[in-house]
């Protein structure tokens, strides 16, 4: 059911169609099937993310309302959200780029669910308003900074046309559907008389599901990136913070491809993302004249000197 929206039809985009004419029919079918499956899992991730945020916010505000006098609520919320936004900014600027480069997009996506599970577990074991404040602080500082940056990177392996067609609808459907699920969970808890402690168990469960879905995206991310790279449908002008670890690993692996067009496309992406220093000098021994000439040009412009002996060859 979660793959229904992307499964309604994914006609080959214009750019992708032009490139795919040079591809075997079976390979085009596999690319389209990988795209649909990947979009379905991405929708699951978005749907599961939202209810966890809704429940965390509800637990936080309920605890604050119960523990803090009404006259002190306004200054408390002012101080809290100021500190929360400041912390989120620091994570966005300082921590997010480092983790994306070193861990890769899917492992970074698992940071928030792990933190939520630990925070909710602390709320269950310790209780009290301090645990709820800490849980809300973890969620607020990571969700709109580190987690959001990783989600944006999930669209990178898609072709430009597929990204343009599905990104907005996936974000909207995933976010709103997840909020509806979270609201229904709160209403159901109120009807049956569940408290904040019981809702914390639900948050732990959602965090575990979210972590599993995030980690399960890795294979699809890498496979789709490689498939669209072969099709020439990866857009180097797409604005992302930096090449994450998974994308960089895929590019380096693609330099070993037997397809000349895939190697050339990989070289162009490495140059576009200022990674010419990662181009191996041994590519000058490649059997393709086009690959050798392009590699030599890239190495010469990069200012490197470690390729001189290979260049003489």
Protein backbone atom coordinates (compact mmCIF):
# COMPACT_ATOMS: atom_id res chain seq x y z
CA UNK A 1 0.00 0.00 0.00
CA UNK A 2 2.84 2.39 0.81
CA UNK A 3 4.20 2.04 -2.71
CA UNK A 4 0.81 2.86 -4.27
CA UNK A 5 1.56 6.49 -5.10
CA UNK A 6 4.89 5.91 -6.86
CA UNK A 7 3.53 2.76 -8.50
CA UNK A 8 0.75 4.64 -10.30
CA UNK A 9 3.10 5.17 -13.17
CA UNK A 10 6.64 6.29 -13.79
CA UNK A 11 7.03 7.07 -17.48
CA UNK A 12 10.66 7.47 -18.46
CA UNK A 13 11.62 11.16 -18.08
CA UNK A 14 12.79 13.03 -21.17
CA UNK A 15 16.46 13.08 -20.23
CA UNK A 16 16.32 9.54 -18.97
CA UNK A 17 14.56 8.34 -22.13
CA UNK A 18 17.22 9.83 -24.36
CA UNK A 19 19.98 8.16 -22.39
CA UNK A 20 18.13 4.88 -22.02
CA UNK A 21 17.83 4.35 -25.80
CA UNK A 22 21.39 3.15 -25.63
CA UNK A 23 20.53 0.71 -22.84
CA UNK A 24 19.14 -2.81 -23.12
CA UNK A 25 15.39 -3.07 -22.53
CA UNK A 26 15.93 -5.32 -19.53
CA UNK A 27 18.24 -2.77 -17.91
CA UNK A 28 15.65 0.00 -18.39
CA UNK A 29 13.01 -2.16 -16.76
CA UNK A 30 15.27 -2.89 -13.81
CA UNK A 31 15.96 0.83 -13.39
CA UNK A 32 12.26 1.67 -13.37
CA UNK A 33 11.52 -1.18 -10.95
CA UNK A 34 14.32 -0.01 -8.65
CA UNK A 35 12.96 3.54 -8.78
CA UNK A 36 9.43 2.46 -7.82
CA UNK A 37 10.67 0.27 -4.99
CA UNK A 38 12.96 3.00 -3.70
CA UNK A 39 10.17 5.61 -3.77
CA UNK A 40 7.91 3.23 -1.86
CA UNK A 41 10.45 2.78 0.92
CA UNK A 42 11.10 6.50 1.00
CA UNK A 43 7.38 7.10 1.49
CA UNK A 44 7.35 4.63 4.39
CA UNK A 45 10.23 6.52 5.99
CA UNK A 46 8.42 9.85 5.71
CA UNK A 47 5.16 8.42 7.06
CA UNK A 48 6.84 6.82 10.09
CA UNK A 49 8.91 9.92 10.91
CA UNK A 50 5.98 12.30 11.46
CA UNK A 51 3.95 10.45 14.15
CA UNK A 52 7.03 10.09 16.34
CA UNK A 53 7.47 13.88 16.28
CA UNK A 54 3.77 14.40 17.06
CA UNK A 55 3.88 12.08 20.07
CA UNK A 56 7.12 13.60 21.40
CA UNK A 57 5.67 17.10 21.18
CA UNK A 58 2.46 16.00 22.90
CA UNK A 59 4.33 14.30 25.75
CA UNK A 60 6.53 17.35 26.21
CA UNK A 61 3.73 19.93 26.29
CA UNK A 62 1.51 17.78 28.51
CA UNK A 63 4.29 17.36 31.06
CA UNK A 64 5.17 21.05 30.99
CA UNK A 65 1.54 22.06 31.47
CA UNK A 66 1.23 19.70 34.42
CA UNK A 67 4.46 20.71 36.16
CA UNK A 68 4.91 24.43 35.48
CA UNK A 69 2.52 27.12 36.74
CA UNK A 70 0.47 28.90 34.07
CA UNK A 71 2.09 32.27 34.78
CA UNK A 72 5.53 30.83 33.98
CA UNK A 73 4.62 29.00 30.75
CA UNK A 74 5.27 31.87 28.33
CA UNK A 75 8.82 32.69 29.56
CA UNK A 76 9.60 28.97 29.81
CA UNK A 77 8.60 28.27 26.21
CA UNK A 78 10.43 31.40 25.02
CA UNK A 79 13.68 30.26 26.65
CA UNK A 80 13.25 26.65 25.60
CA UNK A 81 12.58 27.28 21.90
CA UNK A 82 15.36 29.86 21.73
CA UNK A 83 17.83 27.30 23.05
CA UNK A 84 16.34 24.58 20.83
CA UNK A 85 16.66 26.63 17.63
CA UNK A 86 20.20 27.65 18.55
CA UNK A 87 21.18 24.02 19.13
CA UNK A 88 19.54 22.98 15.85
CA UNK A 89 21.55 25.64 14.01
CA UNK A 90 24.79 24.41 15.53
CA UNK A 91 23.99 20.82 14.53
CA UNK A 92 23.08 21.93 11.00
CA UNK A 93 26.26 23.95 10.49
CA UNK A 94 28.82 21.92 12.41
CA UNK A 95 27.71 18.33 12.87
CA UNK A 96 25.53 17.46 9.87
CA UNK A 97 28.16 17.89 7.09
CA UNK A 98 30.74 15.91 9.07
CA UNK A 99 28.42 12.98 9.77
CA UNK A 100 27.11 12.86 6.20
CA UNK A 101 30.66 12.64 4.84
CA UNK A 102 31.82 10.02 7.33
CA UNK A 103 28.76 7.84 7.95
CA UNK A 104 26.69 8.06 4.78
CA UNK A 105 23.09 9.10 4.36
CA UNK A 106 21.31 5.97 5.68
CA UNK A 107 23.43 5.71 8.82
CA UNK A 108 22.83 9.39 9.50
CA UNK A 109 19.10 8.76 9.16
CA UNK A 110 19.43 6.21 11.96
CA UNK A 111 20.84 8.81 14.39
CA UNK A 112 17.45 10.38 15.16
CA UNK A 113 15.60 7.11 15.87
CA UNK A 114 18.42 5.90 18.12
CA UNK A 115 18.34 9.19 20.02
CA UNK A 116 14.53 9.04 20.28
CA UNK A 117 14.61 5.47 21.56
CA UNK A 118 17.18 6.39 24.21
CA UNK A 119 15.28 9.53 25.19
CA UNK A 120 11.93 7.79 25.41
CA UNK A 121 13.53 4.94 27.31
CA UNK A 122 14.90 7.48 29.78
CA UNK A 123 11.43 9.00 30.13
CA UNK A 124 10.03 5.54 30.92
CA UNK A 125 12.69 4.66 33.49
CA UNK A 126 13.24 8.06 35.13
CA UNK A 127 10.03 9.97 34.46
CA UNK A 128 9.59 13.58 35.41
CA UNK A 129 9.59 16.74 33.36
CA UNK A 130 13.37 16.80 32.87
CA UNK A 131 13.25 13.59 30.85
CA UNK A 132 10.46 14.98 28.63
CA UNK A 133 12.40 18.20 28.07
CA UNK A 134 15.48 16.21 27.10
CA UNK A 135 13.43 14.04 24.72
CA UNK A 136 11.91 17.09 23.03
CA UNK A 137 15.33 18.73 22.85
CA UNK A 138 16.86 15.72 21.12
CA UNK A 139 13.99 15.53 18.64
CA UNK A 140 13.91 19.25 17.89
CA UNK A 141 17.66 19.67 17.49
CA UNK A 142 18.13 16.70 15.16
CA UNK A 143 14.91 16.53 13.13
CA UNK A 144 15.12 19.84 11.23
CA UNK A 145 18.89 19.80 10.87
CA UNK A 146 20.71 16.48 10.60
CA UNK A 147 17.68 14.33 9.77
CA UNK A 148 16.25 16.79 7.24
CA UNK A 149 19.60 17.10 5.45
CA UNK A 150 19.80 13.32 5.14
CA UNK A 151 16.25 13.11 3.76
CA UNK A 152 17.09 15.70 1.10
CA UNK A 153 20.05 13.55 0.05
CA UNK A 154 17.73 10.57 -0.44
CA UNK A 155 16.40 12.27 -3.59
CA UNK A 156 19.88 12.57 -5.10
CA UNK A 157 19.95 9.13 -6.84
CA UNK A 158 16.70 9.90 -8.69
CA UNK A 159 16.72 11.25 -12.23
CA UNK A 160 15.92 14.99 -12.42
CA UNK A 161 12.48 14.36 -13.92
CA UNK A 162 11.55 11.75 -11.31
CA UNK A 163 12.77 14.04 -8.54
CA UNK A 164 10.72 16.94 -9.89
CA UNK A 165 7.62 14.80 -10.28
CA UNK A 166 7.62 12.96 -6.95
CA UNK A 167 9.56 14.96 -4.36
CA UNK A 168 6.83 17.45 -3.53
CA UNK A 169 4.05 14.88 -3.41
CA UNK A 170 6.09 12.43 -1.32
CA UNK A 171 7.00 15.12 1.21
CA UNK A 172 3.39 16.30 1.48
CA UNK A 173 1.77 12.86 1.63
CA UNK A 174 4.37 11.46 4.00
CA UNK A 175 4.29 14.43 6.38
CA UNK A 176 0.51 14.83 6.52
CA UNK A 177 -0.22 11.11 6.67
CA UNK A 178 2.24 10.71 9.51
CA UNK A 179 0.69 13.61 11.42
CA UNK A 180 -2.75 12.04 11.01
CA UNK A 181 -1.42 8.74 12.37
CA UNK A 182 0.16 10.53 15.34
CA UNK A 183 -3.04 12.46 16.08
CA UNK A 184 -5.12 9.28 15.93
CA UNK A 185 -2.66 7.62 18.32
CA UNK A 186 -3.10 10.48 20.81
CA UNK A 187 -6.89 10.35 20.49
CA UNK A 188 -6.86 6.59 20.97
CA UNK A 189 -4.63 6.91 24.02
CA UNK A 190 -7.05 9.44 25.53
CA UNK A 191 -10.03 7.15 24.90
CA UNK A 192 -8.48 4.09 26.54
CA UNK A 193 -6.84 6.10 29.31
CA UNK A 194 -3.16 5.70 28.43
CA UNK A 195 -0.71 8.15 29.97
CA UNK A 196 2.57 9.69 28.92
CA UNK A 197 4.54 6.67 30.11
CA UNK A 198 2.56 4.36 27.83
CA UNK A 199 2.97 6.75 24.91
CA UNK A 200 6.72 6.66 25.53
CA UNK A 201 6.63 2.94 24.76
CA UNK A 202 4.92 3.79 21.46
CA UNK A 203 7.67 6.32 20.70
CA UNK A 204 10.30 3.64 21.31
CA UNK A 205 8.47 1.30 18.92
CA UNK A 206 8.21 3.97 16.22
CA UNK A 207 11.89 4.81 16.64
CA UNK A 208 12.85 1.17 16.11
CA UNK A 209 10.72 0.95 12.95
CA UNK A 210 12.17 4.23 11.69
CA UNK A 211 15.73 3.02 12.27
CA UNK A 212 15.05 -0.25 10.43
CA UNK A 213 13.50 1.52 7.43
CA UNK A 214 16.37 4.03 7.30
CA UNK A 215 19.04 1.33 7.24
CA UNK A 216 17.09 -0.75 4.70
CA UNK A 217 17.29 2.15 2.22
CA UNK A 218 21.04 1.81 1.74
CA UNK A 219 20.96 -0.95 -0.85
CA UNK A 220 18.25 0.76 -2.86
CA UNK A 221 20.07 4.10 -2.64
CA UNK A 222 23.32 2.65 -3.98
CA UNK A 223 21.64 0.52 -6.68
CA UNK A 224 19.51 3.39 -7.97
CA UNK A 225 22.47 5.78 -7.93
CA UNK A 226 24.51 3.34 -10.00
CA UNK A 227 21.64 2.64 -12.42
CA UNK A 228 20.97 6.32 -13.11
CA UNK A 229 24.69 7.00 -13.36
CA UNK A 230 24.90 4.46 -16.17
CA UNK A 231 21.90 6.10 -17.82
CA UNK A 232 23.52 9.54 -17.57
CA UNK A 233 20.61 10.76 -15.44
CA UNK A 234 22.50 11.94 -12.34
CA UNK A 235 22.39 15.72 -12.21
CA UNK A 236 25.64 17.25 -10.96
CA UNK A 237 23.99 20.66 -10.52
CA UNK A 238 21.56 19.30 -7.92
CA UNK A 239 22.31 21.25 -4.77
CA UNK A 240 23.29 18.95 -1.91
CA UNK A 241 25.59 19.74 1.06
CA UNK A 242 28.33 17.44 -0.21
CA UNK A 243 28.72 13.98 -1.66
CA UNK A 244 27.81 11.64 1.17
CA UNK A 245 29.80 8.52 1.87
CA UNK A 246 27.48 6.13 -0.02
CA UNK A 247 27.46 8.29 -3.17
CA UNK A 248 31.23 8.69 -3.07
CA UNK A 249 31.77 4.95 -2.63
CA UNK A 250 29.47 4.26 -5.59
CA UNK A 251 31.36 6.71 -7.78
CA UNK A 252 34.73 5.15 -6.96
CA UNK A 253 33.34 1.67 -7.69
CA UNK A 254 31.93 2.92 -11.02
CA UNK A 255 35.41 3.84 -12.19
CA UNK A 256 35.98 0.08 -12.53
CA UNK A 257 33.02 -0.33 -14.87
CA UNK A 258 33.46 -2.02 -18.25
CA UNK A 259 31.18 0.65 -19.78
CA UNK A 260 33.12 3.65 -21.10
CA UNK A 261 30.12 5.98 -20.79
CA UNK A 262 29.70 5.09 -17.12
CA UNK A 263 33.37 5.81 -16.37
CA UNK A 264 33.19 9.12 -18.24
CA UNK A 265 29.99 10.12 -16.40
CA UNK A 266 31.68 9.27 -13.10
CA UNK A 267 34.68 11.41 -13.97
CA UNK A 268 32.43 14.37 -14.76
CA UNK A 269 30.64 14.02 -11.43
CA UNK A 270 33.89 13.85 -9.50
CA UNK A 271 35.05 17.02 -11.22
CA UNK A 272 31.69 18.75 -10.62
CA UNK A 273 31.94 17.99 -6.89
CA UNK A 274 35.60 19.04 -6.69
CA UNK A 275 36.85 15.51 -6.11
CA UNK A 276 39.43 15.37 -8.91
CA UNK A 277 42.03 14.32 -6.34
CA UNK A 278 40.20 10.98 -6.06
CA UNK A 279 40.64 10.12 -9.74
CA UNK A 280 43.20 7.28 -9.80
CA UNK A 281 46.20 7.76 -12.07
CA UNK A 282 45.90 4.10 -13.09
CA UNK A 283 42.92 5.10 -15.25
CA UNK A 284 45.53 6.22 -17.79
CA UNK A 285 45.97 2.50 -18.53
CA UNK A 286 42.28 2.20 -19.44
CA UNK A 287 41.70 0.58 -22.88
CA UNK A 288 39.35 3.39 -23.95
CA UNK A 289 41.05 6.34 -25.70
CA UNK A 290 38.24 8.70 -24.58
CA UNK A 291 38.65 7.70 -20.93
CA UNK A 292 42.44 8.09 -21.07
CA UNK A 293 42.28 11.54 -22.68
CA UNK A 294 39.64 12.82 -20.26
CA UNK A 295 41.55 11.42 -17.28
CA UNK A 296 44.76 13.04 -18.45
CA UNK A 297 42.99 16.39 -18.85
CA UNK A 298 41.45 16.18 -15.36
CA UNK A 299 44.75 15.24 -13.72
CA UNK A 300 46.61 18.02 -15.51
CA UNK A 301 44.07 20.68 -14.47
CA UNK A 302 44.02 19.41 -10.88
CA UNK A 303 47.67 20.34 -10.37
CA UNK A 304 48.61 16.83 -9.28
CA UNK A 305 52.04 15.41 -10.07
CA UNK A 306 51.54 11.78 -9.01
CA UNK A 307 50.47 10.70 -12.51
CA UNK A 308 53.57 11.68 -14.49
CA UNK A 309 54.98 8.15 -14.92
CA UNK A 310 51.57 6.82 -16.02
CA UNK A 311 51.17 9.78 -18.40
CA UNK A 312 54.47 8.92 -20.08
CA UNK A 313 53.05 5.48 -20.71
